C-alpha atoms as a PDB file:
ATOM      1  CA  MET A   1      89.760  79.921 112.500  1.00  0.00           C
ATOM      2  CA  CYS A   2      90.649  76.385 111.431  1.00  0.00           C
ATOM      3  CA  PRO A   3      92.884  76.072 108.337  1.00  0.00           C
ATOM      4  CA  LEU A   4      91.477  72.605 107.547  1.00  0.00           C
ATOM      5  CA  CYS A   5      87.889  73.899 107.651  1.00  0.00           C
ATOM      6  CA  ARG A   6      88.810  76.872 105.474  1.00  0.00           C
ATOM      7  CA  LYS A   7      90.336  74.542 102.870  1.00  0.00           C
ATOM      8  CA  MET A   8      87.295  72.220 102.983  1.00  0.00           C
ATOM      9  CA  ARG A   9      84.872  75.148 102.558  1.00  0.00           C
ATOM     10  CA  LYS A  10      86.845  76.299  99.519  1.00  0.00           C
ATOM     11  CA  LEU A  11      86.844  72.799  97.992  1.00  0.00           C
ATOM     12  CA  TYR A  12      83.114  72.309  98.592  1.00  0.00           C
ATOM     13  CA  LYS A  13      82.345  75.731  97.150  1.00  0.00           C
ATOM     14  CA  SER A  14      84.344  74.957  94.001  1.00  0.00           C
ATOM     15  CA  ALA A  15      82.486  71.607  93.729  1.00  0.00           C
ATOM     16  CA  GLU A  16      79.197  73.542  94.040  1.00  0.00           C
ATOM     17  CA  ILE A  17      78.079  71.581  97.123  1.00  0.00           C
ATOM     18  CA  LYS A  18      75.369  73.774  98.625  1.00  0.00           C
ATOM     19  CA  LYS A  19      74.603  72.004 101.908  1.00  0.00           C
ATOM     20  CA  LEU A  20      76.773  69.989 104.255  1.00  0.00           C
ATOM     21  CA  THR A  21      76.062  68.792 107.783  1.00  0.00           C
ATOM     22  CA  VAL A  22      79.000  69.190 110.119  1.00  0.00           C
ATOM     23  CA  LEU A  23      79.767  68.615 113.777  1.00  0.00           C
ATOM     24  CA  TYR A  24      81.763  71.221 115.634  1.00  0.00           C
ATOM     25  CA  SER A  25      82.245  72.658 119.089  1.00  0.00           C
ATOM     26  CA  PRO A  26      81.873  76.374 119.751  1.00  0.00           C
ATOM     27  CA  GLU A  27      84.036  76.067 122.876  1.00  0.00           C
ATOM     28  CA  GLU A  28      87.129  78.207 123.157  1.00  0.00           C
ATOM     29  CA  LEU A  29      90.454  76.563 123.980  1.00  0.00           C
ATOM     30  CA  GLU A  30      91.198  76.762 127.695  1.00  0.00           C
ATOM     31  CA  GLY A  31      94.556  76.343 129.383  1.00  0.00           C
ATOM     32  CA  GLU A  32      97.843  75.266 127.896  1.00  0.00           C
ATOM     33  CA  LEU A  33      98.448  72.610 125.259  1.00  0.00           C
ATOM     34  CA  ALA A  34     100.895  69.802 125.969  1.00  0.00           C
ATOM     35  CA  LYS A  35     104.299  70.111 124.360  1.00  0.00           C
ATOM     36  CA  ASP A  36     105.835  67.084 122.694  1.00  0.00           C
ATOM     37  CA  GLY A  37     109.344  68.004 121.626  1.00  0.00           C
ATOM     38  CA  ASN A  38     108.963  70.859 119.144  1.00  0.00           C
ATOM     39  CA  SER A  39     105.243  70.374 118.500  1.00  0.00           C
ATOM     40  CA  VAL A  40     102.109  71.290 120.446  1.00  0.00           C
ATOM     41  CA  VAL A  41      99.591  68.505 121.066  1.00  0.00           C
ATOM     42  CA  PRO A  42      95.968  69.132 122.103  1.00  0.00           C
ATOM     43  CA  GLY A  43      94.907  67.032 125.083  1.00  0.00           C
ATOM     44  CA  SER A  44      91.812  65.666 123.336  1.00  0.00           C
ATOM     45  CA  THR A  45      93.725  63.931 120.562  1.00  0.00           C
ATOM     46  CA  SER A  46      93.216  60.366 121.791  1.00  0.00           C
ATOM     47  CA  PHE A  47      89.469  60.275 122.445  1.00  0.00           C
ATOM     48  CA  THR A  48      87.858  63.031 120.397  1.00  0.00           C
ATOM     49  CA  PRO A  49      87.964  61.456 116.880  1.00  0.00           C
ATOM     50  CA  PRO A  50      86.277  58.179 117.963  1.00  0.00           C
ATOM     51  CA  ALA A  51      83.591  60.043 119.918  1.00  0.00           C
ATOM     52  CA  VAL A  52      82.889  62.404 117.025  1.00  0.00           C
ATOM     53  CA  GLY A  53      82.815  59.485 114.575  1.00  0.00           C
ATOM     54  CA  MET A  54      80.188  57.718 116.677  1.00  0.00           C
ATOM     55  CA  MET A  55      78.085  60.881 116.904  1.00  0.00           C
ATOM     56  CA  LEU A  56      78.175  61.324 113.129  1.00  0.00           C
ATOM     57  CA  ALA A  57      77.416  57.631 112.542  1.00  0.00           C
ATOM     58  CA  GLY A  58      74.394  57.944 114.845  1.00  0.00           C
ATOM     59  CA  LYS A  59      73.155  60.929 112.838  1.00  0.00           C
ATOM     60  CA  VAL A  60      73.533  58.983 109.581  1.00  0.00           C
ATOM     61  CA  LEU A  61      71.647  55.994 111.006  1.00  0.00           C
ATOM     62  CA  LEU A  62      68.799  58.236 112.173  1.00  0.00           C
ATOM     63  CA  TYR A  63      68.676  59.821 108.731  1.00  0.00           C
ATOM     64  CA  LEU A  64      68.658  56.462 106.942  1.00  0.00           C
ATOM     65  CA  SER A  65      65.947  55.084 109.222  1.00  0.00           C
ATOM     66  CA  LYS A  66      63.975  58.322 108.816  1.00  0.00           C
ATOM     67  CA  GLU A  67      63.519  58.445 112.604  1.00  0.00           C
ATOM     68  CA  ASP A  68      63.329  61.605 114.648  1.00  0.00           C
ATOM     69  CA  ASN A  69      63.061  63.762 111.486  1.00  0.00           C
ATOM     70  CA  ALA A  70      66.859  63.630 111.219  1.00  0.00           C
ATOM     71  CA  GLU A  71      68.275  65.837 108.509  1.00  0.00           C
ATOM     72  CA  LEU A  72      71.704  65.622 106.920  1.00  0.00           C
END
């Protein structure tokens, strides 16, 4: 569904990367998106990237410390 993800999957496949840990949400979009002039802006733009970055950093730290059987 996501053009960016499709492009990344293609690049990783061509680089023969077999396994990659990702973070995603299975939630469907609800409601309307905000309109900013001629473009459509999702409401989560301001806080989602930092929150996701912290979640991924936590996963990496668990993996590096070998705690909780974390797997990347």
